Each structure stands twice: as structure tokens, then as C-alpha cells.
Amino acid sequence: MNLRNVSIWCSSVVLLGITGFLAYITAAGGVVNMVFGTIAFLLFCGFPPVVSIMLSMGSKNPLPHIILTTASLLYGGWFAYVVYNAFFVHLDPQSGIAVLLVGIFSLPVMVPLWILAPCLDLYLTKKYAPKPHVVIRINDAPDPETAASTPSSPTLFDGGQQTQ
């Protein structure tokens, strides 16, 4: 299993955990309210793992995958911490608003990690890209005897004028 699969798998597990919890807290209103409530909540608090999954799918190097996996796990921990405090420690009628704002409040940490991962991927791709090789075949080299008798092309050193 390569790091791309691990990164996508971790982000997907975080997203499924969030979806399961949202389905659990919206289930009291019936099936229709559960489906639409879960979708509405996922628009706000489910987008960070989705962004991490999309960035992981486009990355070619292992280091951005490590960054995105760490970002998804950090977000999952942040979501669990906020939900635990909102629904179990400090139970309040407005606890659902805390779930809506989890994704927005995570942006100061997630956005720099989302910017760092593709920039690092681009840098590593350019740094370790295969360099083009110049191959000079011996048959293509000019003959030294004929090269001396033909006029040279303009160069920087002779003022741009042809010498004969």
C-alpha cells in the first residue's frame, strides 16, 4: 500500500466518521430529516477531508501525502474534540451550531497545509524530474577542414559581423 492510498484511506475514514456522527445526531427527526440534515451538515464540516482527498489524488510525491494525512487526522481529532465538548461536556440547545462551525474554525490550520502540499509536490517534481540529455553523434560533428574555410556565424565577440 503506497502513501497515496494511505492518505486517501485516512481522509475517507475521517469523512465516514463525521458522516456517521451527523446521521446519528439528525436521526431523531426521521429518515428524511436524517438524510437532508446530514447533507446540510456535511457541506460545512465535511469539506476539509474532501479537499484533502482531492489533493492526495493529484500528488505524486510521498511528502505531500504525509502532510495531507496528518492534516486529515488533525481535523478528525479537532472535530471529535469540538463535538465531545458541545454534546457531552457543555450540552446546550445551540450545540448544533458548533458542529456547523467546526470546518470553518479549522481553516487557519488546514489552508496552509493545503497550500504547502501542492507547492511541495510541484517543487519535488521539478527538482527530481529527469534532465534532458544532449547527445552528439560523431557523424553530426562538423569537419574541421571545411569549418575553417566557411564563413562563421555572427557571434557576440566579433560585434555581430561575419568574418571571412
N, C-alpha and C. Protein backbone atom coordinates (compact mmCIF):
# COMPACT_ATOMS: atom_id res chain seq x y z
N MET A 1 0.86 -1.18 0.00
CA MET A 1 0.00 0.00 0.00
C MET A 1 0.90 1.23 0.00
N ASN A 2 0.73 2.08 -1.00
CA ASN A 2 1.57 3.27 -1.07
C ASN A 2 0.95 4.41 -0.26
N LEU A 3 1.70 5.50 -0.14
CA LEU A 3 1.25 6.60 0.70
C LEU A 3 0.02 7.30 0.15
N ARG A 4 -0.17 7.28 -1.16
CA ARG A 4 -1.37 7.90 -1.73
C ARG A 4 -2.61 7.17 -1.21
N ASN A 5 -2.57 5.84 -1.22
CA ASN A 5 -3.71 5.07 -0.73
C ASN A 5 -3.92 5.28 0.76
N VAL A 6 -2.84 5.37 1.53
CA VAL A 6 -2.97 5.60 2.97
C VAL A 6 -3.59 6.97 3.23
N SER A 7 -3.16 7.97 2.50
CA SER A 7 -3.69 9.32 2.68
C SER A 7 -5.17 9.37 2.33
N ILE A 8 -5.54 8.79 1.21
CA ILE A 8 -6.95 8.78 0.81
C ILE A 8 -7.78 7.96 1.79
N TRP A 9 -7.23 6.85 2.25
CA TRP A 9 -7.95 5.99 3.20
C TRP A 9 -8.19 6.71 4.52
N CYS A 10 -7.16 7.38 5.06
CA CYS A 10 -7.32 8.11 6.33
C CYS A 10 -8.34 9.24 6.19
N SER A 11 -8.27 9.99 5.11
CA SER A 11 -9.23 11.07 4.89
C SER A 11 -10.64 10.52 4.73
N SER A 12 -10.77 9.38 4.07
CA SER A 12 -12.09 8.78 3.89
C SER A 12 -12.66 8.27 5.20
N VAL A 13 -11.81 7.69 6.05
CA VAL A 13 -12.27 7.22 7.36
C VAL A 13 -12.74 8.40 8.21
N VAL A 14 -12.01 9.50 8.17
CA VAL A 14 -12.44 10.70 8.90
C VAL A 14 -13.78 11.19 8.36
N LEU A 15 -13.93 11.23 7.05
CA LEU A 15 -15.18 11.68 6.44
C LEU A 15 -16.33 10.74 6.79
N LEU A 16 -16.09 9.43 6.77
CA LEU A 16 -17.15 8.49 7.13
C LEU A 16 -17.52 8.60 8.61
N GLY A 17 -16.54 8.83 9.47
CA GLY A 17 -16.83 9.02 10.89
C GLY A 17 -17.68 10.26 11.12
N ILE A 18 -17.35 11.33 10.42
CA ILE A 18 -18.14 12.57 10.53
C ILE A 18 -19.56 12.33 10.00
N THR A 19 -19.67 11.64 8.87
CA THR A 19 -20.98 11.36 8.30
C THR A 19 -21.81 10.49 9.24
N GLY A 20 -21.20 9.48 9.83
CA GLY A 20 -21.92 8.62 10.78
C GLY A 20 -22.40 9.38 12.00
N PHE A 21 -21.55 10.24 12.53
CA PHE A 21 -21.98 11.02 13.69
C PHE A 21 -23.10 11.97 13.32
N LEU A 22 -23.00 12.63 12.17
CA LEU A 22 -24.05 13.55 11.75
C LEU A 22 -25.37 12.82 11.50
N ALA A 23 -25.31 11.61 10.94
CA ALA A 23 -26.53 10.82 10.76
C ALA A 23 -27.12 10.44 12.12
N TYR A 24 -26.27 10.19 13.08
CA TYR A 24 -26.74 9.83 14.43
C TYR A 24 -27.45 11.01 15.10
N ILE A 25 -26.87 12.21 15.00
CA ILE A 25 -27.48 13.33 15.71
C ILE A 25 -28.70 13.88 14.98
N THR A 26 -28.84 13.62 13.69
CA THR A 26 -30.03 14.10 12.96
C THR A 26 -31.08 13.02 12.82
N ALA A 27 -30.88 11.84 13.36
CA ALA A 27 -31.82 10.72 13.19
C ALA A 27 -33.10 10.90 13.97
N ALA A 28 -33.14 11.78 14.95
CA ALA A 28 -34.35 11.95 15.76
C ALA A 28 -35.51 12.48 14.95
N GLY A 29 -35.26 13.16 13.84
CA GLY A 29 -36.33 13.75 13.04
C GLY A 29 -36.90 12.83 11.99
N GLY A 30 -36.49 11.60 11.91
CA GLY A 30 -36.97 10.67 10.89
C GLY A 30 -35.94 10.52 9.78
N VAL A 31 -36.27 9.66 8.83
CA VAL A 31 -35.32 9.33 7.77
C VAL A 31 -35.07 10.51 6.84
N VAL A 32 -36.12 11.22 6.48
CA VAL A 32 -35.96 12.34 5.55
C VAL A 32 -35.12 13.44 6.20
N ASN A 33 -35.43 13.77 7.43
CA ASN A 33 -34.64 14.78 8.13
C ASN A 33 -33.21 14.31 8.35
N MET A 34 -33.03 13.00 8.57
CA MET A 34 -31.67 12.49 8.76
C MET A 34 -30.84 12.66 7.49
N VAL A 35 -31.42 12.34 6.35
CA VAL A 35 -30.67 12.45 5.10
C VAL A 35 -30.36 13.91 4.77
N PHE A 36 -31.38 14.76 4.81
CA PHE A 36 -31.15 16.16 4.46
C PHE A 36 -30.33 16.89 5.52
N GLY A 37 -30.51 16.52 6.78
CA GLY A 37 -29.71 17.12 7.85
C GLY A 37 -28.24 16.74 7.74
N THR A 38 -27.99 15.48 7.43
CA THR A 38 -26.61 15.03 7.26
C THR A 38 -25.95 15.72 6.08
N ILE A 39 -26.67 15.85 4.98
CA ILE A 39 -26.11 16.53 3.80
C ILE A 39 -25.83 17.99 4.11
N ALA A 40 -26.76 18.65 4.81
CA ALA A 40 -26.56 20.06 5.15
C ALA A 40 -25.37 20.25 6.07
N PHE A 41 -25.22 19.38 7.06
CA PHE A 41 -24.08 19.48 7.98
C PHE A 41 -22.77 19.15 7.26
N LEU A 42 -22.82 18.18 6.33
CA LEU A 42 -21.59 17.79 5.63
C LEU A 42 -21.05 18.91 4.74
N LEU A 43 -21.94 19.76 4.25
CA LEU A 43 -21.45 20.88 3.43
C LEU A 43 -20.53 21.79 4.24
N PHE A 44 -20.80 21.90 5.52
CA PHE A 44 -19.99 22.79 6.35
C PHE A 44 -18.81 22.08 7.02
N CYS A 45 -19.05 20.90 7.56
CA CYS A 45 -17.96 20.27 8.33
C CYS A 45 -17.33 19.08 7.63
N GLY A 46 -17.79 18.71 6.45
CA GLY A 46 -17.21 17.57 5.75
C GLY A 46 -16.27 17.96 4.63
N PHE A 47 -16.16 19.26 4.34
CA PHE A 47 -15.33 19.64 3.20
C PHE A 47 -13.82 19.53 3.46
N PRO A 48 -13.28 19.69 4.68
CA PRO A 48 -11.83 19.54 4.83
C PRO A 48 -11.29 18.15 4.45
N PRO A 49 -11.94 17.05 4.86
CA PRO A 49 -11.43 15.76 4.37
C PRO A 49 -11.59 15.58 2.86
N VAL A 50 -12.63 16.16 2.28
CA VAL A 50 -12.83 16.04 0.84
C VAL A 50 -11.71 16.78 0.09
N VAL A 51 -11.35 17.96 0.57
CA VAL A 51 -10.26 18.72 -0.06
C VAL A 51 -8.95 17.94 0.08
N SER A 52 -8.72 17.33 1.24
CA SER A 52 -7.50 16.53 1.43
C SER A 52 -7.48 15.33 0.49
N ILE A 53 -8.62 14.70 0.29
CA ILE A 53 -8.69 13.56 -0.64
C ILE A 53 -8.37 14.02 -2.06
N MET A 54 -8.95 15.13 -2.49
CA MET A 54 -8.70 15.62 -3.85
C MET A 54 -7.23 16.00 -4.05
N LEU A 55 -6.62 16.64 -3.05
CA LEU A 55 -5.21 16.99 -3.16
C LEU A 55 -4.32 15.74 -3.14
N SER A 56 -4.72 14.72 -2.39
CA SER A 56 -3.94 13.47 -2.36
C SER A 56 -4.00 12.75 -3.69
N MET A 57 -5.13 12.83 -4.37
CA MET A 57 -5.25 12.15 -5.65
C MET A 57 -4.37 12.79 -6.71
N GLY A 58 -4.08 14.08 -6.59
CA GLY A 58 -3.26 14.75 -7.58
C GLY A 58 -1.78 14.79 -7.25
N SER A 59 -1.40 14.35 -6.09
CA SER A 59 0.00 14.43 -5.67
C SER A 59 0.78 13.21 -6.11
N LYS A 60 2.05 13.42 -6.48
CA LYS A 60 2.89 12.34 -6.97
C LYS A 60 3.98 11.92 -6.00
N ASN A 61 4.32 12.79 -5.06
CA ASN A 61 5.44 12.55 -4.14
C ASN A 61 4.93 12.13 -2.77
N PRO A 62 5.75 11.42 -2.00
CA PRO A 62 5.29 10.92 -0.69
C PRO A 62 5.14 12.01 0.38
N LEU A 63 5.96 13.04 0.35
CA LEU A 63 5.90 14.05 1.41
C LEU A 63 4.57 14.81 1.44
N PRO A 64 4.00 15.23 0.31
CA PRO A 64 2.67 15.84 0.38
C PRO A 64 1.59 14.89 0.93
N HIS A 65 1.73 13.58 0.65
CA HIS A 65 0.77 12.62 1.20
C HIS A 65 0.87 12.56 2.72
N ILE A 66 2.08 12.64 3.24
CA ILE A 66 2.26 12.64 4.69
C ILE A 66 1.63 13.90 5.30
N ILE A 67 1.83 15.03 4.65
CA ILE A 67 1.24 16.28 5.13
C ILE A 67 -0.28 16.21 5.10
N LEU A 68 -0.85 15.71 4.03
CA LEU A 68 -2.31 15.65 3.90
C LEU A 68 -2.92 14.60 4.84
N THR A 69 -2.23 13.51 5.07
CA THR A 69 -2.71 12.52 6.04
C THR A 69 -2.71 13.11 7.44
N THR A 70 -1.64 13.82 7.78
CA THR A 70 -1.58 14.48 9.08
C THR A 70 -2.67 15.53 9.21
N ALA A 71 -2.92 16.28 8.15
CA ALA A 71 -3.97 17.30 8.19
C ALA A 71 -5.34 16.66 8.40
N SER A 72 -5.61 15.55 7.74
CA SER A 72 -6.90 14.88 7.92
C SER A 72 -7.06 14.33 9.33
N LEU A 73 -6.00 13.74 9.86
CA LEU A 73 -6.08 13.21 11.22
C LEU A 73 -6.21 14.33 12.25
N LEU A 74 -5.53 15.45 12.01
CA LEU A 74 -5.70 16.61 12.90
C LEU A 74 -7.13 17.12 12.85
N TYR A 75 -7.70 17.18 11.66
CA TYR A 75 -9.08 17.64 11.55
C TYR A 75 -10.04 16.66 12.23
N GLY A 76 -9.81 15.37 12.08
CA GLY A 76 -10.66 14.38 12.75
C GLY A 76 -10.59 14.53 14.27
N GLY A 77 -9.39 14.77 14.79
CA GLY A 77 -9.25 15.00 16.23
C GLY A 77 -9.92 16.28 16.67
N TRP A 78 -9.79 17.33 15.86
CA TRP A 78 -10.44 18.61 16.16
C TRP A 78 -11.96 18.45 16.15
N PHE A 79 -12.48 17.73 15.16
CA PHE A 79 -13.92 17.50 15.09
C PHE A 79 -14.40 16.71 16.31
N ALA A 80 -13.68 15.66 16.68
CA ALA A 80 -14.08 14.86 17.84
C ALA A 80 -14.03 15.69 19.12
N TYR A 81 -13.02 16.53 19.27
CA TYR A 81 -12.90 17.37 20.46
C TYR A 81 -14.06 18.36 20.57
N VAL A 82 -14.38 19.03 19.47
CA VAL A 82 -15.46 20.03 19.50
C VAL A 82 -16.81 19.35 19.73
N VAL A 83 -17.05 18.23 19.06
CA VAL A 83 -18.33 17.53 19.23
C VAL A 83 -18.46 16.99 20.65
N TYR A 84 -17.39 16.45 21.18
CA TYR A 84 -17.43 15.95 22.56
C TYR A 84 -17.76 17.08 23.53
N ASN A 85 -17.11 18.22 23.37
CA ASN A 85 -17.39 19.35 24.25
C ASN A 85 -18.80 19.90 24.04
N ALA A 86 -19.26 19.95 22.80
CA ALA A 86 -20.56 20.56 22.51
C ALA A 86 -21.73 19.66 22.93
N PHE A 87 -21.58 18.35 22.78
CA PHE A 87 -22.71 17.46 23.02
C PHE A 87 -22.65 16.68 24.32
N PHE A 88 -21.49 16.59 24.94
CA PHE A 88 -21.40 15.78 26.15
C PHE A 88 -20.92 16.56 27.37
N VAL A 89 -20.02 17.50 27.20
CA VAL A 89 -19.49 18.25 28.34
C VAL A 89 -20.34 19.48 28.61
N HIS A 90 -20.54 20.31 27.61
CA HIS A 90 -21.29 21.56 27.75
C HIS A 90 -22.54 21.49 26.88
N LEU A 91 -23.46 20.63 27.24
CA LEU A 91 -24.67 20.44 26.44
C LEU A 91 -25.50 21.71 26.44
N ASP A 92 -25.87 22.14 25.25
CA ASP A 92 -26.58 23.40 25.08
C ASP A 92 -27.53 23.25 23.89
N PRO A 93 -28.64 23.98 23.86
CA PRO A 93 -29.51 23.89 22.69
C PRO A 93 -28.84 24.32 21.39
N GLN A 94 -27.80 25.14 21.46
CA GLN A 94 -27.10 25.60 20.26
C GLN A 94 -25.86 24.75 19.95
N SER A 95 -25.80 23.55 20.45
CA SER A 95 -24.63 22.69 20.18
C SER A 95 -24.49 22.35 18.71
N GLY A 96 -25.60 22.30 17.99
CA GLY A 96 -25.53 22.01 16.55
C GLY A 96 -24.80 23.07 15.77
N ILE A 97 -24.85 24.31 16.25
CA ILE A 97 -24.12 25.39 15.58
C ILE A 97 -22.62 25.15 15.68
N ALA A 98 -22.18 24.57 16.79
CA ALA A 98 -20.75 24.26 16.93
C ALA A 98 -20.31 23.27 15.86
N VAL A 99 -21.18 22.30 15.55
CA VAL A 99 -20.83 21.33 14.51
C VAL A 99 -20.75 22.01 13.15
N LEU A 100 -21.62 22.98 12.91
CA LEU A 100 -21.56 23.71 11.64
C LEU A 100 -20.26 24.49 11.49
N LEU A 101 -19.75 25.01 12.59
CA LEU A 101 -18.58 25.88 12.52
C LEU A 101 -17.25 25.16 12.67
N VAL A 102 -17.27 23.85 12.88
CA VAL A 102 -16.02 23.10 13.04
C VAL A 102 -15.14 23.25 11.81
N GLY A 103 -15.71 23.07 10.63
CA GLY A 103 -14.93 23.17 9.39
C GLY A 103 -14.39 24.57 9.16
N ILE A 104 -15.18 25.58 9.49
CA ILE A 104 -14.74 26.96 9.28
C ILE A 104 -13.64 27.33 10.26
N PHE A 105 -13.78 26.89 11.52
CA PHE A 105 -12.77 27.22 12.52
C PHE A 105 -11.46 26.45 12.30
N SER A 106 -11.49 25.40 11.52
CA SER A 106 -10.26 24.65 11.25
C SER A 106 -9.45 25.25 10.09
N LEU A 107 -10.01 26.19 9.36
CA LEU A 107 -9.35 26.73 8.17
C LEU A 107 -8.00 27.40 8.44
N PRO A 108 -7.78 28.11 9.57
CA PRO A 108 -6.45 28.70 9.77
C PRO A 108 -5.32 27.66 9.84
N VAL A 109 -5.66 26.43 10.18
CA VAL A 109 -4.63 25.37 10.19
C VAL A 109 -4.64 24.60 8.88
N MET A 110 -5.82 24.34 8.34
CA MET A 110 -5.91 23.49 7.17
C MET A 110 -5.44 24.18 5.88
N VAL A 111 -5.77 25.45 5.71
CA VAL A 111 -5.43 26.14 4.46
C VAL A 111 -3.91 26.20 4.24
N PRO A 112 -3.08 26.54 5.25
CA PRO A 112 -1.64 26.49 4.99
C PRO A 112 -1.14 25.09 4.65
N LEU A 113 -1.73 24.06 5.25
CA LEU A 113 -1.32 22.70 4.91
C LEU A 113 -1.77 22.34 3.50
N TRP A 114 -2.94 22.80 3.10
CA TRP A 114 -3.42 22.55 1.73
C TRP A 114 -2.59 23.30 0.71
N ILE A 115 -2.08 24.45 1.05
CA ILE A 115 -1.22 25.20 0.13
C ILE A 115 0.18 24.59 0.08
N LEU A 116 0.67 24.16 1.24
CA LEU A 116 2.02 23.59 1.32
C LEU A 116 2.14 22.29 0.53
N ALA A 117 1.13 21.44 0.59
CA ALA A 117 1.21 20.12 -0.06
C ALA A 117 1.38 20.23 -1.58
N PRO A 118 0.54 20.98 -2.32
CA PRO A 118 0.77 21.04 -3.77
C PRO A 118 2.04 21.79 -4.14
N CYS A 119 2.40 22.83 -3.36
CA CYS A 119 3.64 23.56 -3.66
C CYS A 119 4.84 22.65 -3.48
N LEU A 120 4.82 21.85 -2.42
CA LEU A 120 5.90 20.91 -2.18
C LEU A 120 5.93 19.83 -3.25
N ASP A 121 4.76 19.39 -3.67
CA ASP A 121 4.69 18.39 -4.73
C ASP A 121 5.26 18.94 -6.03
N LEU A 122 4.93 20.18 -6.36
CA LEU A 122 5.45 20.81 -7.57
C LEU A 122 6.96 20.99 -7.48
N TYR A 123 7.45 21.42 -6.32
CA TYR A 123 8.89 21.61 -6.14
C TYR A 123 9.63 20.29 -6.27
N LEU A 124 9.14 19.24 -5.61
CA LEU A 124 9.82 17.95 -5.67
C LEU A 124 9.74 17.33 -7.06
N THR A 125 8.64 17.57 -7.76
CA THR A 125 8.52 17.04 -9.12
C THR A 125 9.52 17.71 -10.04
N LYS A 126 9.68 19.03 -9.91
CA LYS A 126 10.66 19.73 -10.75
C LYS A 126 12.09 19.40 -10.35
N LYS A 127 12.34 19.24 -9.05
CA LYS A 127 13.69 19.00 -8.58
C LYS A 127 14.20 17.63 -9.02
N TYR A 128 13.35 16.64 -8.95
CA TYR A 128 13.78 15.28 -9.27
C TYR A 128 13.32 14.81 -10.65
N ALA A 129 12.90 15.73 -11.48
CA ALA A 129 12.50 15.36 -12.84
C ALA A 129 13.74 14.97 -13.63
N PRO A 130 13.61 14.02 -14.54
CA PRO A 130 14.77 13.65 -15.34
C PRO A 130 15.21 14.81 -16.22
N LYS A 131 16.49 15.06 -16.23
CA LYS A 131 17.06 16.15 -17.02
C LYS A 131 17.21 15.69 -18.47
N PRO A 132 16.95 16.57 -19.42
CA PRO A 132 17.14 16.17 -20.82
C PRO A 132 18.63 16.02 -21.12
N HIS A 133 18.94 15.00 -21.85
CA HIS A 133 20.33 14.73 -22.20
C HIS A 133 20.59 15.18 -23.64
N VAL A 134 21.74 15.79 -23.85
CA VAL A 134 22.15 16.20 -25.19
C VAL A 134 23.10 15.13 -25.70
N VAL A 135 22.73 14.57 -26.81
CA VAL A 135 23.55 13.51 -27.40
C VAL A 135 24.13 14.06 -28.70
N ILE A 136 25.45 14.04 -28.81
CA ILE A 136 26.12 14.47 -30.03
C ILE A 136 26.72 13.23 -30.67
N ARG A 137 26.26 12.97 -31.85
CA ARG A 137 26.81 11.83 -32.57
C ARG A 137 28.04 12.29 -33.34
N ILE A 138 28.98 11.43 -33.48
CA ILE A 138 30.23 11.79 -34.13
C ILE A 138 29.99 12.13 -35.60
N ASN A 139 29.05 11.51 -36.25
CA ASN A 139 28.79 11.79 -37.66
C ASN A 139 28.20 13.18 -37.86
N ASP A 140 27.58 13.75 -36.86
CA ASP A 140 26.97 15.07 -36.98
C ASP A 140 27.95 16.20 -36.71
N ALA A 141 29.12 15.92 -36.22
CA ALA A 141 30.09 16.97 -35.91
C ALA A 141 30.63 17.55 -37.20
N PRO A 142 30.83 18.87 -37.23
CA PRO A 142 31.36 19.47 -38.47
C PRO A 142 32.81 19.05 -38.70
N ASP A 143 33.15 18.97 -39.96
CA ASP A 143 34.52 18.62 -40.34
C ASP A 143 35.41 19.82 -40.07
N PRO A 144 36.53 19.66 -39.36
CA PRO A 144 37.39 20.81 -39.03
C PRO A 144 37.98 21.49 -40.26
N GLU A 145 38.24 20.76 -41.34
CA GLU A 145 38.83 21.38 -42.52
C GLU A 145 37.84 22.27 -43.25
N THR A 146 36.57 21.82 -43.37
CA THR A 146 35.58 22.64 -44.06
C THR A 146 35.04 23.75 -43.17
N ALA A 147 35.10 23.57 -41.87
CA ALA A 147 34.60 24.60 -40.96
C ALA A 147 35.51 25.82 -40.98
N ALA A 148 36.81 25.63 -41.22
CA ALA A 148 37.74 26.76 -41.24
C ALA A 148 37.58 27.58 -42.51
N SER A 149 37.15 26.98 -43.63
CA SER A 149 37.06 27.71 -44.89
C SER A 149 35.71 28.39 -45.08
N THR A 150 34.68 28.02 -44.31
CA THR A 150 33.37 28.65 -44.45
C THR A 150 33.26 29.83 -43.51
N PRO A 151 32.46 30.82 -43.89
CA PRO A 151 32.30 31.98 -43.01
C PRO A 151 31.61 31.57 -41.71
N SER A 152 32.02 32.19 -40.63
CA SER A 152 31.43 31.86 -39.32
C SER A 152 30.15 32.64 -39.14
N SER A 153 29.32 32.17 -38.26
CA SER A 153 28.08 32.87 -37.96
C SER A 153 28.38 34.03 -37.02
N PRO A 154 27.51 35.04 -36.99
CA PRO A 154 27.76 36.18 -36.11
C PRO A 154 27.83 35.73 -34.65
N THR A 155 28.78 36.27 -33.95
CA THR A 155 28.93 35.96 -32.53
C THR A 155 28.96 37.23 -31.73
N LEU A 156 28.94 37.09 -30.47
CA LEU A 156 28.96 38.24 -29.57
C LEU A 156 30.34 38.89 -29.57
N PHE A 157 31.37 38.11 -29.84
CA PHE A 157 32.72 38.61 -29.69
C PHE A 157 33.21 39.40 -30.90
N ASP A 158 32.64 39.17 -32.08
CA ASP A 158 33.11 39.90 -33.25
C ASP A 158 32.17 41.05 -33.64
N GLY A 159 31.33 41.47 -32.72
CA GLY A 159 30.47 42.60 -32.97
C GLY A 159 29.29 42.30 -33.85
N GLY A 160 29.01 41.02 -34.09
CA GLY A 160 27.85 40.66 -34.88
C GLY A 160 28.12 40.67 -36.37
N GLN A 161 29.38 40.88 -36.80
CA GLN A 161 29.71 40.91 -38.22
C GLN A 161 30.37 39.59 -38.59
N GLN A 162 30.09 39.17 -39.78
CA GLN A 162 30.68 37.93 -40.25
C GLN A 162 32.13 38.16 -40.62
N THR A 163 32.95 37.19 -40.29
CA THR A 163 34.36 37.27 -40.68
C THR A 163 34.58 36.29 -41.83
N GLN A 164 35.53 36.67 -42.71
CA GLN A 164 35.81 35.79 -43.84
C GLN A 164 37.28 35.47 -43.92
